């Protein structure tokens, strides 16, 4: 199994967030997921310090 903490797995697209490989990794390793994305004019104004999952375009997994 690959190590998803590796820098090559930073900014993964949200399309793979619920993929079996990612879910298995998160269950086996204590991790923290950070979501990334931009504001969507007229829909979602993102705060500078976070992005909610619903409007995220990418995510990164960090060790806990």
C-alpha atoms as a PDB file:
ATOM      1  CA  UNK A   1       0.000   0.000   0.000  1.00  0.00           C
ATOM      2  CA  UNK A   2       1.297   3.445  -0.887  1.00  0.00           C
ATOM      3  CA  UNK A   3       1.848   6.041   1.784  1.00  0.00           C
ATOM      4  CA  UNK A   4      -0.738   8.776   1.200  1.00  0.00           C
ATOM      5  CA  UNK A   5       1.242  11.113   3.492  1.00  0.00           C
ATOM      6  CA  UNK A   6       3.846  11.383   0.728  1.00  0.00           C
ATOM      7  CA  UNK A   7       4.023  14.804  -0.936  1.00  0.00           C
ATOM      8  CA  UNK A   8       3.056  13.285  -4.298  1.00  0.00           C
ATOM      9  CA  UNK A   9      -0.429  12.713  -2.844  1.00  0.00           C
ATOM     10  CA  UNK A  10      -0.995  16.343  -1.881  1.00  0.00           C
ATOM     11  CA  UNK A  11      -3.971  18.102  -3.470  1.00  0.00           C
ATOM     12  CA  UNK A  12      -5.869  14.981  -4.467  1.00  0.00           C
ATOM     13  CA  UNK A  13      -9.059  15.724  -6.418  1.00  0.00           C
ATOM     14  CA  UNK A  14     -12.358  15.278  -4.567  1.00  0.00           C
ATOM     15  CA  UNK A  15     -13.357  12.609  -7.096  1.00  0.00           C
ATOM     16  CA  UNK A  16     -11.077  10.125  -5.293  1.00  0.00           C
ATOM     17  CA  UNK A  17     -12.127  11.109  -1.743  1.00  0.00           C
ATOM     18  CA  UNK A  18     -14.525   8.151  -1.388  1.00  0.00           C
ATOM     19  CA  UNK A  19     -12.344   5.690  -3.297  1.00  0.00           C
ATOM     20  CA  UNK A  20     -11.761   2.386  -1.485  1.00  0.00           C
ATOM     21  CA  UNK A  21      -7.997   2.893  -1.467  1.00  0.00           C
ATOM     22  CA  UNK A  22      -8.293   6.260   0.315  1.00  0.00           C
ATOM     23  CA  UNK A  23     -10.924   5.042   2.786  1.00  0.00           C
ATOM     24  CA  UNK A  24      -8.820   1.998   3.709  1.00  0.00           C
ATOM     25  CA  UNK A  25      -5.777   4.216   4.258  1.00  0.00           C
ATOM     26  CA  UNK A  26      -7.736   6.575   6.516  1.00  0.00           C
ATOM     27  CA  UNK A  27      -9.074   3.669   8.590  1.00  0.00           C
ATOM     28  CA  UNK A  28      -5.616   2.125   9.026  1.00  0.00           C
ATOM     29  CA  UNK A  29      -3.707   5.342   9.792  1.00  0.00           C
ATOM     30  CA  UNK A  30      -4.598   8.146  12.194  1.00  0.00           C
ATOM     31  CA  UNK A  31      -4.946  11.034   9.770  1.00  0.00           C
ATOM     32  CA  UNK A  32      -6.345  14.507   9.337  1.00  0.00           C
ATOM     33  CA  UNK A  33      -7.934  15.570   6.053  1.00  0.00           C
ATOM     34  CA  UNK A  34      -7.715  19.201   4.976  1.00  0.00           C
ATOM     35  CA  UNK A  35      -9.948  20.432   2.195  1.00  0.00           C
ATOM     36  CA  UNK A  36      -8.872  23.030  -0.363  1.00  0.00           C
ATOM     37  CA  UNK A  37     -10.885  25.132  -2.750  1.00  0.00           C
ATOM     38  CA  UNK A  38     -11.682  28.593  -3.974  1.00  0.00           C
ATOM     39  CA  UNK A  39     -14.608  30.860  -3.285  1.00  0.00           C
ATOM     40  CA  UNK A  40     -17.521  30.497  -5.680  1.00  0.00           C
ATOM     41  CA  UNK A  41     -18.981  33.943  -6.462  1.00  0.00           C
ATOM     42  CA  UNK A  42     -22.599  34.175  -5.392  1.00  0.00           C
ATOM     43  CA  UNK A  43     -22.578  30.690  -3.841  1.00  0.00           C
ATOM     44  CA  UNK A  44     -19.782  30.299  -1.291  1.00  0.00           C
ATOM     45  CA  UNK A  45     -17.401  32.891   0.158  1.00  0.00           C
ATOM     46  CA  UNK A  46     -14.507  30.904   1.593  1.00  0.00           C
ATOM     47  CA  UNK A  47     -12.910  32.069   4.825  1.00  0.00           C
ATOM     48  CA  UNK A  48      -9.124  32.521   4.477  1.00  0.00           C
ATOM     49  CA  UNK A  49      -8.311  29.750   6.954  1.00  0.00           C
ATOM     50  CA  UNK A  50     -10.516  26.872   5.756  1.00  0.00           C
ATOM     51  CA  UNK A  51     -12.792  25.384   3.113  1.00  0.00           C
ATOM     52  CA  UNK A  52     -15.754  23.129   3.856  1.00  0.00           C
ATOM     53  CA  UNK A  53     -15.963  19.690   2.254  1.00  0.00           C
ATOM     54  CA  UNK A  54     -19.091  20.472   0.243  1.00  0.00           C
ATOM     55  CA  UNK A  55     -17.321  23.186  -1.804  1.00  0.00           C
ATOM     56  CA  UNK A  56     -13.793  21.734  -1.866  1.00  0.00           C
ATOM     57  CA  UNK A  57     -12.063  20.863  -5.107  1.00  0.00           C
ATOM     58  CA  UNK A  58      -8.997  19.098  -3.605  1.00  0.00           C
ATOM     59  CA  UNK A  59      -7.893  17.557  -0.330  1.00  0.00           C
ATOM     60  CA  UNK A  60      -4.653  16.575   1.396  1.00  0.00           C
ATOM     61  CA  UNK A  61      -4.092  13.916   4.065  1.00  0.00           C
ATOM     62  CA  UNK A  62      -1.811  14.752   6.991  1.00  0.00           C
ATOM     63  CA  UNK A  63      -0.593  12.486   9.798  1.00  0.00           C
ATOM     64  CA  UNK A  64      -2.336  13.069  13.118  1.00  0.00           C
END
